[in-house]
């Protein structure tokens, strides 16, 4: 027997209720679909709902990961654009003599932030490992 629309709809309902193979999920699915719990368990096994739930969760996880990655990249781009504007303003005021560099650390902080947002290292760290017997 091939999977019919009623089976697919039951699976989607089961998935929306959490997708776990619990008596509670099966009971709720059977009540809403108006079929017996035994029928839902039979469909669960016959149509590989466990594997399908896992597959759907992996797909949703990948989609979410892409959205998060895109948001992070956009956020970094926004920060870098802001830093660029601040640096340009700073350069203009420096050229006009309106400001003087009294604390190079301030410029260093902006440069490090820019490097971090590009995924670059901001410090060189030498690690020495010595083996003793």
C-alpha atoms as a PDB file:
ATOM      1  CA  UNK A   1       0.000   0.000   0.000  1.00  0.00           C
ATOM      2  CA  UNK A   2       1.523   3.302  -1.049  1.00  0.00           C
ATOM      3  CA  UNK A   3       1.355   6.345   1.153  1.00  0.00           C
ATOM      4  CA  UNK A   4      -1.785   8.369   0.618  1.00  0.00           C
ATOM      5  CA  UNK A   5      -2.669  11.949   1.424  1.00  0.00           C
ATOM      6  CA  UNK A   6      -4.254  10.939   4.755  1.00  0.00           C
ATOM      7  CA  UNK A   7      -0.972   9.315   5.807  1.00  0.00           C
ATOM      8  CA  UNK A   8       1.040  12.376   4.806  1.00  0.00           C
ATOM      9  CA  UNK A   9      -1.355  14.679   6.653  1.00  0.00           C
ATOM     10  CA  UNK A  10      -1.142  12.469   9.748  1.00  0.00           C
ATOM     11  CA  UNK A  11       2.656  12.580   9.555  1.00  0.00           C
ATOM     12  CA  UNK A  12       2.659  16.385   9.287  1.00  0.00           C
ATOM     13  CA  UNK A  13       0.347  16.594  12.299  1.00  0.00           C
ATOM     14  CA  UNK A  14       2.531  14.143  14.218  1.00  0.00           C
ATOM     15  CA  UNK A  15       5.579  16.225  13.321  1.00  0.00           C
ATOM     16  CA  UNK A  16       3.887  19.471  14.395  1.00  0.00           C
ATOM     17  CA  UNK A  17       3.158  17.899  17.784  1.00  0.00           C
ATOM     18  CA  UNK A  18       6.871  17.322  18.354  1.00  0.00           C
ATOM     19  CA  UNK A  19       7.548  14.290  16.202  1.00  0.00           C
ATOM     20  CA  UNK A  20       8.622  12.108  19.084  1.00  0.00           C
ATOM     21  CA  UNK A  21       7.535   8.488  19.272  1.00  0.00           C
ATOM     22  CA  UNK A  22       5.647   8.955  22.522  1.00  0.00           C
ATOM     23  CA  UNK A  23       2.225   7.738  23.575  1.00  0.00           C
ATOM     24  CA  UNK A  24       1.219  11.376  24.063  1.00  0.00           C
ATOM     25  CA  UNK A  25       2.070  12.363  20.456  1.00  0.00           C
ATOM     26  CA  UNK A  26       0.429   9.255  19.067  1.00  0.00           C
ATOM     27  CA  UNK A  27      -2.680   9.854  21.204  1.00  0.00           C
ATOM     28  CA  UNK A  28      -2.997  13.489  20.086  1.00  0.00           C
ATOM     29  CA  UNK A  29      -2.445  12.534  16.447  1.00  0.00           C
ATOM     30  CA  UNK A  30      -5.031   9.756  16.627  1.00  0.00           C
ATOM     31  CA  UNK A  31      -7.577  12.080  18.271  1.00  0.00           C
ATOM     32  CA  UNK A  32      -7.123  14.823  15.695  1.00  0.00           C
ATOM     33  CA  UNK A  33      -7.087  12.428  12.715  1.00  0.00           C
ATOM     34  CA  UNK A  34      -9.936  10.362  14.227  1.00  0.00           C
ATOM     35  CA  UNK A  35      -8.170   7.036  13.861  1.00  0.00           C
ATOM     36  CA  UNK A  36      -7.025   4.597  16.525  1.00  0.00           C
ATOM     37  CA  UNK A  37      -3.674   4.881  18.269  1.00  0.00           C
ATOM     38  CA  UNK A  38      -2.855   1.424  16.934  1.00  0.00           C
ATOM     39  CA  UNK A  39      -3.369   2.754  13.386  1.00  0.00           C
ATOM     40  CA  UNK A  40      -1.042   5.683  14.051  1.00  0.00           C
ATOM     41  CA  UNK A  41       1.618   3.308  15.416  1.00  0.00           C
ATOM     42  CA  UNK A  42       1.200   1.125  12.324  1.00  0.00           C
ATOM     43  CA  UNK A  43       1.641   4.145  10.035  1.00  0.00           C
ATOM     44  CA  UNK A  44       4.594   5.297  12.127  1.00  0.00           C
ATOM     45  CA  UNK A  45       6.403   2.049  11.415  1.00  0.00           C
ATOM     46  CA  UNK A  46       5.186   1.447   7.875  1.00  0.00           C
ATOM     47  CA  UNK A  47       6.011   4.943   6.555  1.00  0.00           C
ATOM     48  CA  UNK A  48       9.277   5.360   8.479  1.00  0.00           C
ATOM     49  CA  UNK A  49       8.127   8.360  10.490  1.00  0.00           C
ATOM     50  CA  UNK A  50      11.113   8.141  12.831  1.00  0.00           C
ATOM     51  CA  UNK A  51      13.593   8.528   9.958  1.00  0.00           C
ATOM     52  CA  UNK A  52      11.426  11.183   8.314  1.00  0.00           C
ATOM     53  CA  UNK A  53      11.273  13.229  11.524  1.00  0.00           C
ATOM     54  CA  UNK A  54      15.063  13.013  11.842  1.00  0.00           C
ATOM     55  CA  UNK A  55      15.504  13.994   8.188  1.00  0.00           C
ATOM     56  CA  UNK A  56      13.122  16.946   8.525  1.00  0.00           C
ATOM     57  CA  UNK A  57      14.905  18.092  11.684  1.00  0.00           C
ATOM     58  CA  UNK A  58      18.247  17.969   9.872  1.00  0.00           C
ATOM     59  CA  UNK A  59      16.832  19.930   6.932  1.00  0.00           C
ATOM     60  CA  UNK A  60      15.317  22.531   9.245  1.00  0.00           C
ATOM     61  CA  UNK A  61      18.582  22.734  11.153  1.00  0.00           C
ATOM     62  CA  UNK A  62      20.500  23.408   7.937  1.00  0.00           C
ATOM     63  CA  UNK A  63      18.014  26.108   6.914  1.00  0.00           C
ATOM     64  CA  UNK A  64      18.295  27.745  10.316  1.00  0.00           C
ATOM     65  CA  UNK A  65      22.086  27.538  10.183  1.00  0.00           C
ATOM     66  CA  UNK A  66      22.094  29.297   6.804  1.00  0.00           C
ATOM     67  CA  UNK A  67      19.828  32.054   8.122  1.00  0.00           C
ATOM     68  CA  UNK A  68      22.007  32.551  11.175  1.00  0.00           C
ATOM     69  CA  UNK A  69      25.181  32.574   9.075  1.00  0.00           C
ATOM     70  CA  UNK A  70      23.658  35.133   6.725  1.00  0.00           C
ATOM     71  CA  UNK A  71      22.595  37.333   9.661  1.00  0.00           C
ATOM     72  CA  UNK A  72      26.084  37.146  11.180  1.00  0.00           C
ATOM     73  CA  UNK A  73      27.737  38.046   7.886  1.00  0.00           C
ATOM     74  CA  UNK A  74      25.348  40.986   7.450  1.00  0.00           C
ATOM     75  CA  UNK A  75      25.938  42.150  10.995  1.00  0.00           C
ATOM     76  CA  UNK A  76      29.706  42.033  10.502  1.00  0.00           C
ATOM     77  CA  UNK A  77      29.358  43.947   7.248  1.00  0.00           C
ATOM     78  CA  UNK A  78      27.299  46.609   9.021  1.00  0.00           C
ATOM     79  CA  UNK A  79      29.892  46.956  11.783  1.00  0.00           C
ATOM     80  CA  UNK A  80      32.728  47.138   9.274  1.00  0.00           C
ATOM     81  CA  UNK A  81      30.883  49.844   7.323  1.00  0.00           C
ATOM     82  CA  UNK A  82      30.381  51.799  10.543  1.00  0.00           C
ATOM     83  CA  UNK A  83      34.036  51.423  11.478  1.00  0.00           C
ATOM     84  CA  UNK A  84      35.014  52.602   8.013  1.00  0.00           C
ATOM     85  CA  UNK A  85      32.856  55.722   8.416  1.00  0.00           C
ATOM     86  CA  UNK A  86      34.338  56.441  11.834  1.00  0.00           C
ATOM     87  CA  UNK A  87      37.869  56.038  10.486  1.00  0.00           C
ATOM     88  CA  UNK A  88      37.123  58.377   7.544  1.00  0.00           C
ATOM     89  CA  UNK A  89      35.692  61.005   9.897  1.00  0.00           C
ATOM     90  CA  UNK A  90      38.700  60.579  12.141  1.00  0.00           C
ATOM     91  CA  UNK A  91      41.080  61.018   9.176  1.00  0.00           C
ATOM     92  CA  UNK A  92      39.254  64.173   8.036  1.00  0.00           C
ATOM     93  CA  UNK A  93      39.417  65.749  11.477  1.00  0.00           C
ATOM     94  CA  UNK A  94      43.038  64.696  11.837  1.00  0.00           C
ATOM     95  CA  UNK A  95      43.957  66.350   8.522  1.00  0.00           C
ATOM     96  CA  UNK A  96      42.052  69.519   9.459  1.00  0.00           C
ATOM     97  CA  UNK A  97      43.916  69.652  12.762  1.00  0.00           C
ATOM     98  CA  UNK A  98      40.690  69.372  14.759  1.00  0.00           C
ATOM     99  CA  UNK A  99      41.978  66.352  16.654  1.00  0.00           C
ATOM    100  CA  UNK A 100      45.325  64.985  17.659  1.00  0.00           C
ATOM    101  CA  UNK A 101      46.311  61.444  18.372  1.00  0.00           C
ATOM    102  CA  UNK A 102      47.082  61.385  22.056  1.00  0.00           C
ATOM    103  CA  UNK A 103      46.301  57.757  22.744  1.00  0.00           C
ATOM    104  CA  UNK A 104      47.252  55.381  19.925  1.00  0.00           C
ATOM    105  CA  UNK A 105      45.430  52.623  21.820  1.00  0.00           C
ATOM    106  CA  UNK A 106      42.103  54.055  20.643  1.00  0.00           C
ATOM    107  CA  UNK A 107      43.057  53.604  17.009  1.00  0.00           C
ATOM    108  CA  UNK A 108      44.462  50.184  17.841  1.00  0.00           C
ATOM    109  CA  UNK A 109      41.121  49.107  19.333  1.00  0.00           C
ATOM    110  CA  UNK A 110      39.270  50.012  16.113  1.00  0.00           C
ATOM    111  CA  UNK A 111      41.872  48.256  13.970  1.00  0.00           C
ATOM    112  CA  UNK A 112      41.596  45.085  16.088  1.00  0.00           C
ATOM    113  CA  UNK A 113      37.811  45.167  15.912  1.00  0.00           C
ATOM    114  CA  UNK A 114      37.991  45.436  12.132  1.00  0.00           C
ATOM    115  CA  UNK A 115      40.395  42.488  11.969  1.00  0.00           C
ATOM    116  CA  UNK A 116      38.181  40.396  14.242  1.00  0.00           C
ATOM    117  CA  UNK A 117      35.134  41.101  12.101  1.00  0.00           C
ATOM    118  CA  UNK A 118      37.080  39.908   9.050  1.00  0.00           C
ATOM    119  CA  UNK A 119      37.988  36.722  10.911  1.00  0.00           C
ATOM    120  CA  UNK A 120      41.643  37.651  11.215  1.00  0.00           C
ATOM    121  CA  UNK A 121      43.912  37.255  14.214  1.00  0.00           C
ATOM    122  CA  UNK A 122      44.622  40.345  16.259  1.00  0.00           C
ATOM    123  CA  UNK A 123      47.579  39.031  18.217  1.00  0.00           C
ATOM    124  CA  UNK A 124      50.543  36.841  17.454  1.00  0.00           C
ATOM    125  CA  UNK A 125      50.841  34.228  20.127  1.00  0.00           C
ATOM    126  CA  UNK A 126      53.870  32.005  20.291  1.00  0.00           C
ATOM    127  CA  UNK A 127      53.287  28.788  22.142  1.00  0.00           C
ATOM    128  CA  UNK A 128      56.269  26.786  23.202  1.00  0.00           C
ATOM    129  CA  UNK A 129      55.868  23.173  24.167  1.00  0.00           C
ATOM    130  CA  UNK A 130      58.690  21.460  25.961  1.00  0.00           C
ATOM    131  CA  UNK A 131      58.695  17.751  26.592  1.00  0.00           C
ATOM    132  CA  UNK A 132      60.310  16.364  29.661  1.00  0.00           C
ATOM    133  CA  UNK A 133      60.925  12.744  30.405  1.00  0.00           C
END
